[in-house]
Amino acid sequence: MSLAFRCDSPEEVDRTYGALTEAGYHGYKKPWDAFWGQRYAVVHDPDGNSVDLFAAG
């Protein structure tokens, strides 16, 4: 199971990922341009659940 948050831009995905990992959350997948046309990243919350960040590319 994962929780996903839509960001307003690809740059916001990068900024949010950076802010979360700097705050100590585990960066599971660094931001990348997915083949389906979105900017995507994944962090884990303190319980190990996936939190997805995405934006239209």
PDB file of N, CA and C in Angstrom:
ATOM      1  N   MET A   1       0.839  -1.166   0.000  1.00  0.00           N
ATOM      2  CA  MET A   1       0.000   0.000   0.000  1.00  0.00           C
ATOM      3  C   MET A   1       0.889   1.236   0.000  1.00  0.00           C
ATOM      4  N   SER A   2       0.453   2.260  -0.696  1.00  0.00           N
ATOM      5  CA  SER A   2       1.204   3.514  -0.678  1.00  0.00           C
ATOM      6  C   SER A   2       0.233   4.684  -0.733  1.00  0.00           C
ATOM      7  N   LEU A   3       0.742   5.810  -0.342  1.00  0.00           N
ATOM      8  CA  LEU A   3       0.007   7.065  -0.384  1.00  0.00           C
ATOM      9  C   LEU A   3       0.685   7.928  -1.428  1.00  0.00           C
ATOM     10  N   ALA A   4      -0.089   8.592  -2.280  1.00  0.00           N
ATOM     11  CA  ALA A   4       0.505   9.392  -3.350  1.00  0.00           C
ATOM     12  C   ALA A   4       0.032  10.836  -3.250  1.00  0.00           C
ATOM     13  N   PHE A   5       0.964  11.754  -3.465  1.00  0.00           N
ATOM     14  CA  PHE A   5       0.663  13.180  -3.458  1.00  0.00           C
ATOM     15  C   PHE A   5       1.006  13.782  -4.811  1.00  0.00           C
ATOM     16  N   ARG A   6       0.048  14.506  -5.385  1.00  0.00           N
ATOM     17  CA  ARG A   6       0.282  15.194  -6.651  1.00  0.00           C
ATOM     18  C   ARG A   6       0.938  16.535  -6.367  1.00  0.00           C
ATOM     19  N   CYS A   7       2.017  16.787  -7.034  1.00  0.00           N
ATOM     20  CA  CYS A   7       2.710  18.071  -6.946  1.00  0.00           C
ATOM     21  C   CYS A   7       2.328  18.901  -8.168  1.00  0.00           C
ATOM     22  N   ASP A   8       2.482  20.212  -8.058  1.00  0.00           N
ATOM     23  CA  ASP A   8       2.075  21.097  -9.149  1.00  0.00           C
ATOM     24  C   ASP A   8       3.042  21.124 -10.325  1.00  0.00           C
ATOM     25  N   SER A   9       4.280  20.672 -10.107  1.00  0.00           N
ATOM     26  CA  SER A   9       5.273  20.707 -11.185  1.00  0.00           C
ATOM     27  C   SER A   9       6.343  19.662 -10.918  1.00  0.00           C
ATOM     28  N   PRO A  10       7.086  19.281 -11.954  1.00  0.00           N
ATOM     29  CA  PRO A  10       8.211  18.367 -11.748  1.00  0.00           C
ATOM     30  C   PRO A  10       9.229  18.929 -10.750  1.00  0.00           C
ATOM     31  N   GLU A  11       9.433  20.242 -10.775  1.00  0.00           N
ATOM     32  CA  GLU A  11      10.385  20.863  -9.844  1.00  0.00           C
ATOM     33  C   GLU A  11       9.906  20.734  -8.399  1.00  0.00           C
ATOM     34  N   GLU A  12       8.589  20.764  -8.202  1.00  0.00           N
ATOM     35  CA  GLU A  12       8.060  20.599  -6.848  1.00  0.00           C
ATOM     36  C   GLU A  12       8.302  19.184  -6.333  1.00  0.00           C
ATOM     37  N   VAL A  13       8.250  18.190  -7.219  1.00  0.00           N
ATOM     38  CA  VAL A  13       8.591  16.822  -6.818  1.00  0.00           C
ATOM     39  C   VAL A  13      10.019  16.803  -6.278  1.00  0.00           C
ATOM     40  N   ASP A  14      10.940  17.413  -7.016  1.00  0.00           N
ATOM     41  CA  ASP A  14      12.344  17.440  -6.598  1.00  0.00           C
ATOM     42  C   ASP A  14      12.517  18.172  -5.272  1.00  0.00           C
ATOM     43  N   ARG A  15      11.872  19.333  -5.131  1.00  0.00           N
ATOM     44  CA  ARG A  15      11.991  20.120  -3.894  1.00  0.00           C
ATOM     45  C   ARG A  15      11.405  19.375  -2.696  1.00  0.00           C
ATOM     46  N   THR A  16      10.247  18.763  -2.893  1.00  0.00           N
ATOM     47  CA  THR A  16       9.588  18.049  -1.796  1.00  0.00           C
ATOM     48  C   THR A  16      10.396  16.831  -1.386  1.00  0.00           C
ATOM     49  N   TYR A  17      10.896  16.090  -2.359  1.00  0.00           N
ATOM     50  CA  TYR A  17      11.753  14.940  -2.058  1.00  0.00           C
ATOM     51  C   TYR A  17      12.969  15.398  -1.258  1.00  0.00           C
ATOM     52  N   GLY A  18      13.607  16.474  -1.696  1.00  0.00           N
ATOM     53  CA  GLY A  18      14.771  16.998  -0.992  1.00  0.00           C
ATOM     54  C   GLY A  18      14.442  17.420   0.424  1.00  0.00           C
ATOM     55  N   ALA A  19      13.326  18.105   0.604  1.00  0.00           N
ATOM     56  CA  ALA A  19      12.930  18.557   1.941  1.00  0.00           C
ATOM     57  C   ALA A  19      12.646  17.375   2.864  1.00  0.00           C
ATOM     58  N   LEU A  20      11.980  16.355   2.343  1.00  0.00           N
ATOM     59  CA  LEU A  20      11.660  15.191   3.172  1.00  0.00           C
ATOM     60  C   LEU A  20      12.906  14.394   3.542  1.00  0.00           C
ATOM     61  N   THR A  21      13.799  14.184   2.591  1.00  0.00           N
ATOM     62  CA  THR A  21      15.008  13.420   2.912  1.00  0.00           C
ATOM     63  C   THR A  21      15.931  14.214   3.836  1.00  0.00           C
ATOM     64  N   GLU A  22      15.982  15.532   3.675  1.00  0.00           N
ATOM     65  CA  GLU A  22      16.775  16.359   4.595  1.00  0.00           C
ATOM     66  C   GLU A  22      16.193  16.329   6.003  1.00  0.00           C
ATOM     67  N   ALA A  23      14.876  16.126   6.110  1.00  0.00           N
ATOM     68  CA  ALA A  23      14.219  16.045   7.418  1.00  0.00           C
ATOM     69  C   ALA A  23      14.386  14.668   8.053  1.00  0.00           C
ATOM     70  N   GLY A  24      15.018  13.732   7.320  1.00  0.00           N
ATOM     71  CA  GLY A  24      15.309  12.426   7.894  1.00  0.00           C
ATOM     72  C   GLY A  24      14.486  11.271   7.370  1.00  0.00           C
ATOM     73  N   TYR A  25      13.556  11.547   6.455  1.00  0.00           N
ATOM     74  CA  TYR A  25      12.792  10.448   5.876  1.00  0.00           C
ATOM     75  C   TYR A  25      13.662   9.696   4.882  1.00  0.00           C
ATOM     76  N   HIS A  26      13.416   8.390   4.772  1.00  0.00           N
ATOM     77  CA  HIS A  26      14.223   7.537   3.895  1.00  0.00           C
ATOM     78  C   HIS A  26      13.822   7.747   2.438  1.00  0.00           C
ATOM     79  N   GLY A  27      14.768   8.192   1.628  1.00  0.00           N
ATOM     80  CA  GLY A  27      14.529   8.322   0.196  1.00  0.00           C
ATOM     81  C   GLY A  27      14.635   6.957  -0.457  1.00  0.00           C
ATOM     82  N   TYR A  28      13.520   6.413  -0.902  1.00  0.00           N
ATOM     83  CA  TYR A  28      13.503   5.078  -1.486  1.00  0.00           C
ATOM     84  C   TYR A  28      13.858   5.115  -2.973  1.00  0.00           C
ATOM     85  N   LYS A  29      13.261   6.054  -3.714  1.00  0.00           N
ATOM     86  CA  LYS A  29      13.590   6.230  -5.135  1.00  0.00           C
ATOM     87  C   LYS A  29      13.731   7.721  -5.399  1.00  0.00           C
ATOM     88  N   LYS A  30      14.911   8.120  -5.834  1.00  0.00           N
ATOM     89  CA  LYS A  30      15.148   9.523  -6.158  1.00  0.00           C
ATOM     90  C   LYS A  30      14.258   9.934  -7.328  1.00  0.00           C
ATOM     91  N   PRO A  31      13.969  11.225  -7.450  1.00  0.00           N
ATOM     92  CA  PRO A  31      13.109  11.680  -8.543  1.00  0.00           C
ATOM     93  C   PRO A  31      13.625  11.227  -9.916  1.00  0.00           C
ATOM     94  N   TRP A  32      12.687  10.795 -10.750  1.00  0.00           N
ATOM     95  CA  TRP A  32      13.026  10.385 -12.109  1.00  0.00           C
ATOM     96  C   TRP A  32      11.841  10.699 -13.024  1.00  0.00           C
ATOM     97  N   ASP A  33      12.127  10.756 -14.304  1.00  0.00           N
ATOM     98  CA  ASP A  33      11.087  10.964 -15.309  1.00  0.00           C
ATOM     99  C   ASP A  33      10.589   9.595 -15.751  1.00  0.00           C
ATOM    100  N   ALA A  34       9.388   9.259 -15.320  1.00  0.00           N
ATOM    101  CA  ALA A  34       8.816   7.946 -15.605  1.00  0.00           C
ATOM    102  C   ALA A  34       8.370   7.855 -17.068  1.00  0.00           C
ATOM    103  N   PHE A  35       8.378   6.655 -17.601  1.00  0.00           N
ATOM    104  CA  PHE A  35       8.031   6.449 -19.008  1.00  0.00           C
ATOM    105  C   PHE A  35       6.580   6.812 -19.307  1.00  0.00           C
ATOM    106  N   TRP A  36       5.728   6.886 -18.287  1.00  0.00           N
ATOM    107  CA  TRP A  36       4.317   7.230 -18.497  1.00  0.00           C
ATOM    108  C   TRP A  36       4.071   8.741 -18.458  1.00  0.00           C
ATOM    109  N   GLY A  37       5.159   9.522 -18.423  1.00  0.00           N
ATOM    110  CA  GLY A  37       5.045  10.961 -18.586  1.00  0.00           C
ATOM    111  C   GLY A  37       4.955  11.783 -17.316  1.00  0.00           C
ATOM    112  N   GLN A  38       5.293  11.190 -16.179  1.00  0.00           N
ATOM    113  CA  GLN A  38       5.262  11.927 -14.920  1.00  0.00           C
ATOM    114  C   GLN A  38       6.650  11.992 -14.294  1.00  0.00           C
ATOM    115  N   ARG A  39       6.887  13.024 -13.512  1.00  0.00           N
ATOM    116  CA  ARG A  39       8.057  13.089 -12.635  1.00  0.00           C
ATOM    117  C   ARG A  39       7.626  12.373 -11.374  1.00  0.00           C
ATOM    118  N   TYR A  40       8.438  11.464 -10.872  1.00  0.00           N
ATOM    119  CA  TYR A  40       8.030  10.589  -9.779  1.00  0.00           C
ATOM    120  C   TYR A  40       9.161  10.434  -8.779  1.00  0.00           C
ATOM    121  N   ALA A  41       8.812  10.240  -7.520  1.00  0.00           N
ATOM    122  CA  ALA A  41       9.781   9.946  -6.465  1.00  0.00           C
ATOM    123  C   ALA A  41       9.044   9.198  -5.361  1.00  0.00           C
ATOM    124  N   VAL A  42       9.802   8.472  -4.541  1.00  0.00           N
ATOM    125  CA  VAL A  42       9.196   7.716  -3.446  1.00  0.00           C
ATOM    126  C   VAL A  42      10.057   7.866  -2.199  1.00  0.00           C
ATOM    127  N   VAL A  43       9.406   8.171  -1.086  1.00  0.00           N
ATOM    128  CA  VAL A  43      10.061   8.163   0.225  1.00  0.00           C
ATOM    129  C   VAL A  43       9.294   7.194   1.113  1.00  0.00           C
ATOM    130  N   HIS A  44       9.915   6.780   2.198  1.00  0.00           N
ATOM    131  CA  HIS A  44       9.239   5.936   3.182  1.00  0.00           C
ATOM    132  C   HIS A  44       8.969   6.748   4.434  1.00  0.00           C
ATOM    133  N   ASP A  45       7.779   6.572   4.996  1.00  0.00           N
ATOM    134  CA  ASP A  45       7.462   7.236   6.253  1.00  0.00           C
ATOM    135  C   ASP A  45       8.136   6.477   7.398  1.00  0.00           C
ATOM    136  N   PRO A  46       8.034   6.968   8.638  1.00  0.00           N
ATOM    137  CA  PRO A  46       8.720   6.294   9.751  1.00  0.00           C
ATOM    138  C   PRO A  46       8.313   4.835   9.957  1.00  0.00           C
ATOM    139  N   ASP A  47       7.114   4.454   9.483  1.00  0.00           N
ATOM    140  CA  ASP A  47       6.670   3.068   9.616  1.00  0.00           C
ATOM    141  C   ASP A  47       7.046   2.209   8.416  1.00  0.00           C
ATOM    142  N   GLY A  48       7.734   2.800   7.440  1.00  0.00           N
ATOM    143  CA  GLY A  48       8.161   2.053   6.265  1.00  0.00           C
ATOM    144  C   GLY A  48       7.167   2.043   5.122  1.00  0.00           C
ATOM    145  N   ASN A  49       6.078   2.795   5.244  1.00  0.00           N
ATOM    146  CA  ASN A  49       5.096   2.877   4.161  1.00  0.00           C
ATOM    147  C   ASN A  49       5.610   3.787   3.055  1.00  0.00           C
ATOM    148  N   SER A  50       5.275   3.442   1.833  1.00  0.00           N
ATOM    149  CA  SER A  50       5.689   4.255   0.694  1.00  0.00           C
ATOM    150  C   SER A  50       4.821   5.498   0.571  1.00  0.00           C
ATOM    151  N   VAL A  51       5.482   6.612   0.301  1.00  0.00           N
ATOM    152  CA  VAL A  51       4.796   7.871   0.016  1.00  0.00           C
ATOM    153  C   VAL A  51       5.316   8.328  -1.343  1.00  0.00           C
ATOM    154  N   ASP A  52       4.433   8.318  -2.340  1.00  0.00           N
ATOM    155  CA  ASP A  52       4.799   8.673  -3.707  1.00  0.00           C
ATOM    156  C   ASP A  52       4.549  10.156  -3.944  1.00  0.00           C
ATOM    157  N   LEU A  53       5.442  10.765  -4.684  1.00  0.00           N
ATOM    158  CA  LEU A  53       5.304  12.153  -5.116  1.00  0.00           C
ATOM    159  C   LEU A  53       5.295  12.134  -6.634  1.00  0.00           C
ATOM    160  N   PHE A  54       4.351  12.840  -7.257  1.00  0.00           N
ATOM    161  CA  PHE A  54       4.304  12.824  -8.716  1.00  0.00           C
ATOM    162  C   PHE A  54       3.783  14.146  -9.254  1.00  0.00           C
ATOM    163  N   ALA A  55       4.125  14.408 -10.490  1.00  0.00           N
ATOM    164  CA  ALA A  55       3.629  15.577 -11.217  1.00  0.00           C
ATOM    165  C   ALA A  55       3.644  15.257 -12.698  1.00  0.00           C
ATOM    166  N   ALA A  56       2.740  15.889 -13.417  1.00  0.00           N
ATOM    167  CA  ALA A  56       2.736  15.736 -14.868  1.00  0.00           C
ATOM    168  C   ALA A  56       4.043  16.271 -15.423  1.00  0.00           C
ATOM    169  N   GLY A  57       4.607  15.542 -16.366  1.00  0.00           N
ATOM    170  CA  GLY A  57       5.877  15.943 -16.951  1.00  0.00           C
ATOM    171  C   GLY A  57       5.674  16.960 -17.980  1.00  0.00           C
TER     172      GLY A  57
END
